[in-house]
Amino acid sequence: MKFTVALCLVVALVACASAPPVPGPAAKQTAEFAAADPAPADYEIRIISWLRMNTDDPDRLRVLSIGAPQLKTLESSAPEKGLEKGDPIWEAIALTQGYKGDPPQPVQHRFYFKEGVIRAVDLK
């Protein structure tokens, strides 16, 4: 009797077990992201410093908000900046007003970090 109960429990446990996950593109991307460097803790200071150093009139510049960095995969290469297509990078978006060449309304600027350093900036 005990043997039958134990056998039924084993069969029930095996039936409830899920199949092993099949690695796909998401698993590959997760592995690449695991190898990425950590997000820079001082990203706000780095972005504000970069903006103020690269504008004609730092006193006119207003930084309205800076979003936390999000891990992304680089979509195009920039070898002169040490970036290759597919690299995991951190992207932070800053909303500014008064940066040189910007229209009067607030504008988004994308900052790309790798190894804790701003490697590229998309000012569009």
C-alpha atoms as a PDB file:
ATOM      1  CA  MET A   1       0.000   0.000   0.000  1.00  0.00           C
ATOM      2  CA  LYS A   2       2.793   2.437   0.915  1.00  0.00           C
ATOM      3  CA  PHE A   3       4.540   1.573  -2.318  1.00  0.00           C
ATOM      4  CA  THR A   4       1.429   2.440  -4.360  1.00  0.00           C
ATOM      5  CA  VAL A   5       0.998   5.806  -2.618  1.00  0.00           C
ATOM      6  CA  ALA A   6       4.677   6.633  -3.119  1.00  0.00           C
ATOM      7  CA  LEU A   7       4.466   5.628  -6.782  1.00  0.00           C
ATOM      8  CA  CYS A   8       1.375   7.827  -7.287  1.00  0.00           C
ATOM      9  CA  LEU A   9       3.170  10.783  -5.677  1.00  0.00           C
ATOM     10  CA  VAL A  10       6.203  10.329  -7.917  1.00  0.00           C
ATOM     11  CA  VAL A  11       3.996  10.114 -11.028  1.00  0.00           C
ATOM     12  CA  ALA A  12       2.105  13.247  -9.960  1.00  0.00           C
ATOM     13  CA  LEU A  13       5.335  15.181  -9.378  1.00  0.00           C
ATOM     14  CA  VAL A  14       6.755  14.149 -12.747  1.00  0.00           C
ATOM     15  CA  ALA A  15       3.502  15.132 -14.490  1.00  0.00           C
ATOM     16  CA  CYS A  16       3.586  18.587 -12.881  1.00  0.00           C
ATOM     17  CA  ALA A  17       7.171  19.310 -13.874  1.00  0.00           C
ATOM     18  CA  SER A  18       7.543  21.768 -16.738  1.00  0.00           C
ATOM     19  CA  ALA A  19       9.684  21.166 -19.769  1.00  0.00           C
ATOM     20  CA  PRO A  20      13.121  22.816 -19.768  1.00  0.00           C
ATOM     21  CA  PRO A  21      13.129  26.254 -21.427  1.00  0.00           C
ATOM     22  CA  VAL A  22      14.273  26.403 -25.028  1.00  0.00           C
ATOM     23  CA  PRO A  23      16.969  29.039 -25.441  1.00  0.00           C
ATOM     24  CA  GLY A  24      15.962  31.576 -28.048  1.00  0.00           C
ATOM     25  CA  PRO A  25      16.848  35.125 -29.042  1.00  0.00           C
ATOM     26  CA  ALA A  26      15.653  36.485 -25.685  1.00  0.00           C
ATOM     27  CA  ALA A  27      17.996  34.129 -23.816  1.00  0.00           C
ATOM     28  CA  LYS A  28      20.929  35.214 -25.995  1.00  0.00           C
ATOM     29  CA  GLN A  29      20.103  38.884 -25.391  1.00  0.00           C
ATOM     30  CA  THR A  30      19.821  38.270 -21.642  1.00  0.00           C
ATOM     31  CA  ALA A  31      23.273  36.658 -21.657  1.00  0.00           C
ATOM     32  CA  GLU A  32      24.723  39.700 -23.452  1.00  0.00           C
ATOM     33  CA  PHE A  33      23.061  42.035 -20.968  1.00  0.00           C
ATOM     34  CA  ALA A  34      24.443  40.013 -18.066  1.00  0.00           C
ATOM     35  CA  ALA A  35      27.923  40.728 -19.415  1.00  0.00           C
ATOM     36  CA  ALA A  36      27.212  44.476 -19.618  1.00  0.00           C
ATOM     37  CA  ASP A  37      28.885  46.891 -17.262  1.00  0.00           C
ATOM     38  CA  PRO A  38      26.713  48.350 -14.476  1.00  0.00           C
ATOM     39  CA  ALA A  39      24.793  51.570 -15.031  1.00  0.00           C
ATOM     40  CA  PRO A  40      26.730  54.661 -13.955  1.00  0.00           C
ATOM     41  CA  ALA A  41      25.533  55.794 -10.544  1.00  0.00           C
ATOM     42  CA  ASP A  42      26.388  59.440 -11.251  1.00  0.00           C
ATOM     43  CA  TYR A  43      24.717  59.575 -14.682  1.00  0.00           C
ATOM     44  CA  GLU A  44      22.802  62.807 -13.848  1.00  0.00           C
ATOM     45  CA  ILE A  45      25.969  64.718 -12.952  1.00  0.00           C
ATOM     46  CA  ARG A  46      27.748  63.404 -16.049  1.00  0.00           C
ATOM     47  CA  ILE A  47      24.870  64.446 -18.338  1.00  0.00           C
ATOM     48  CA  ILE A  48      24.482  67.912 -16.815  1.00  0.00           C
ATOM     49  CA  SER A  49      28.246  68.472 -16.989  1.00  0.00           C
ATOM     50  CA  TRP A  50      28.363  67.379 -20.623  1.00  0.00           C
ATOM     51  CA  LEU A  51      25.465  69.666 -21.550  1.00  0.00           C
ATOM     52  CA  ARG A  52      26.935  72.694 -19.751  1.00  0.00           C
ATOM     53  CA  MET A  53      30.407  72.158 -21.252  1.00  0.00           C
ATOM     54  CA  ASN A  54      29.043  71.807 -24.792  1.00  0.00           C
ATOM     55  CA  THR A  55      26.669  74.778 -24.977  1.00  0.00           C
ATOM     56  CA  ASP A  56      27.360  78.385 -25.879  1.00  0.00           C
ATOM     57  CA  ASP A  57      25.467  79.802 -22.886  1.00  0.00           C
ATOM     58  CA  PRO A  58      25.425  77.433 -19.848  1.00  0.00           C
ATOM     59  CA  ASP A  59      23.282  79.872 -17.837  1.00  0.00           C
ATOM     60  CA  ARG A  60      20.494  79.706 -20.444  1.00  0.00           C
ATOM     61  CA  LEU A  61      20.390  75.901 -20.426  1.00  0.00           C
ATOM     62  CA  ARG A  62      17.621  74.282 -18.369  1.00  0.00           C
ATOM     63  CA  VAL A  63      17.629  70.559 -17.656  1.00  0.00           C
ATOM     64  CA  LEU A  64      13.978  69.675 -17.095  1.00  0.00           C
ATOM     65  CA  SER A  65      14.398  65.952 -16.401  1.00  0.00           C
ATOM     66  CA  ILE A  66      16.785  63.050 -16.792  1.00  0.00           C
ATOM     67  CA  GLY A  67      15.476  59.513 -17.027  1.00  0.00           C
ATOM     68  CA  ALA A  68      17.252  56.582 -15.417  1.00  0.00           C
ATOM     69  CA  PRO A  69      19.534  54.673 -17.800  1.00  0.00           C
ATOM     70  CA  GLN A  70      17.956  51.714 -19.596  1.00  0.00           C
ATOM     71  CA  LEU A  71      20.010  48.831 -20.957  1.00  0.00           C
ATOM     72  CA  LYS A  72      19.797  48.671 -24.768  1.00  0.00           C
ATOM     73  CA  THR A  73      21.518  46.935 -27.644  1.00  0.00           C
ATOM     74  CA  LEU A  74      23.343  49.313 -29.973  1.00  0.00           C
ATOM     75  CA  GLU A  75      21.691  49.363 -33.398  1.00  0.00           C
ATOM     76  CA  SER A  76      24.593  50.796 -35.418  1.00  0.00           C
ATOM     77  CA  SER A  77      28.370  50.879 -35.121  1.00  0.00           C
ATOM     78  CA  ALA A  78      30.472  53.909 -34.229  1.00  0.00           C
ATOM     79  CA  PRO A  79      34.044  52.546 -34.253  1.00  0.00           C
ATOM     80  CA  GLU A  80      35.571  55.989 -33.675  1.00  0.00           C
ATOM     81  CA  LYS A  81      33.782  56.021 -30.304  1.00  0.00           C
ATOM     82  CA  GLY A  82      34.565  52.401 -29.410  1.00  0.00           C
ATOM     83  CA  LEU A  83      31.010  51.206 -30.088  1.00  0.00           C
ATOM     84  CA  GLU A  84      30.081  48.209 -32.209  1.00  0.00           C
ATOM     85  CA  LYS A  85      26.654  47.134 -33.426  1.00  0.00           C
ATOM     86  CA  GLY A  86      25.069  44.801 -30.869  1.00  0.00           C
ATOM     87  CA  ASP A  87      27.033  46.160 -27.880  1.00  0.00           C
ATOM     88  CA  PRO A  88      25.017  46.427 -24.653  1.00  0.00           C
ATOM     89  CA  ILE A  89      24.906  50.105 -23.669  1.00  0.00           C
ATOM     90  CA  TRP A  90      23.041  52.272 -21.195  1.00  0.00           C
ATOM     91  CA  GLU A  91      20.731  54.913 -22.668  1.00  0.00           C
ATOM     92  CA  ALA A  92      19.513  57.882 -20.624  1.00  0.00           C
ATOM     93  CA  ILE A  93      17.125  60.496 -21.991  1.00  0.00           C
ATOM     94  CA  ALA A  94      17.429  64.123 -20.868  1.00  0.00           C
ATOM     95  CA  LEU A  95      14.729  66.707 -21.488  1.00  0.00           C
ATOM     96  CA  THR A  96      16.313  70.133 -21.918  1.00  0.00           C
ATOM     97  CA  GLN A  97      15.439  73.638 -22.947  1.00  0.00           C
ATOM     98  CA  GLY A  98      17.828  76.317 -24.200  1.00  0.00           C
ATOM     99  CA  TYR A  99      20.607  74.058 -25.530  1.00  0.00           C
ATOM    100  CA  LYS A 100      22.375  75.555 -28.547  1.00  0.00           C
ATOM    101  CA  GLY A 101      20.476  75.006 -31.781  1.00  0.00           C
ATOM    102  CA  ASP A 102      17.347  73.657 -30.084  1.00  0.00           C
ATOM    103  CA  PRO A 103      13.891  75.111 -30.700  1.00  0.00           C
ATOM    104  CA  PRO A 104      12.302  77.065 -27.808  1.00  0.00           C
ATOM    105  CA  GLN A 105      10.213  74.091 -26.596  1.00  0.00           C
ATOM    106  CA  PRO A 106      11.707  71.213 -24.559  1.00  0.00           C
ATOM    107  CA  VAL A 107      13.794  68.714 -26.545  1.00  0.00           C
ATOM    108  CA  GLN A 108      14.901  65.148 -25.772  1.00  0.00           C
ATOM    109  CA  HIS A 109      18.583  64.231 -25.974  1.00  0.00           C
ATOM    110  CA  ARG A 110      19.787  60.627 -25.744  1.00  0.00           C
ATOM    111  CA  PHE A 111      23.029  59.844 -23.914  1.00  0.00           C
ATOM    112  CA  TYR A 112      24.759  56.506 -24.432  1.00  0.00           C
ATOM    113  CA  PHE A 113      27.032  55.170 -21.680  1.00  0.00           C
ATOM    114  CA  LYS A 114      29.541  52.340 -21.911  1.00  0.00           C
ATOM    115  CA  GLU A 115      31.944  51.487 -19.089  1.00  0.00           C
ATOM    116  CA  GLY A 116      30.541  54.428 -17.089  1.00  0.00           C
ATOM    117  CA  VAL A 117      31.499  57.014 -19.721  1.00  0.00           C
ATOM    118  CA  ILE A 118      29.318  58.982 -22.154  1.00  0.00           C
ATOM    119  CA  ARG A 119      30.362  57.516 -25.496  1.00  0.00           C
ATOM    120  CA  ALA A 120      27.761  59.120 -27.751  1.00  0.00           C
ATOM    121  CA  VAL A 121      25.012  61.721 -27.646  1.00  0.00           C
ATOM    122  CA  ASP A 122      22.009  61.962 -29.960  1.00  0.00           C
ATOM    123  CA  LEU A 123      21.002  65.613 -29.950  1.00  0.00           C
ATOM    124  CA  LYS A 124      18.040  65.188 -32.344  1.00  0.00           C
END
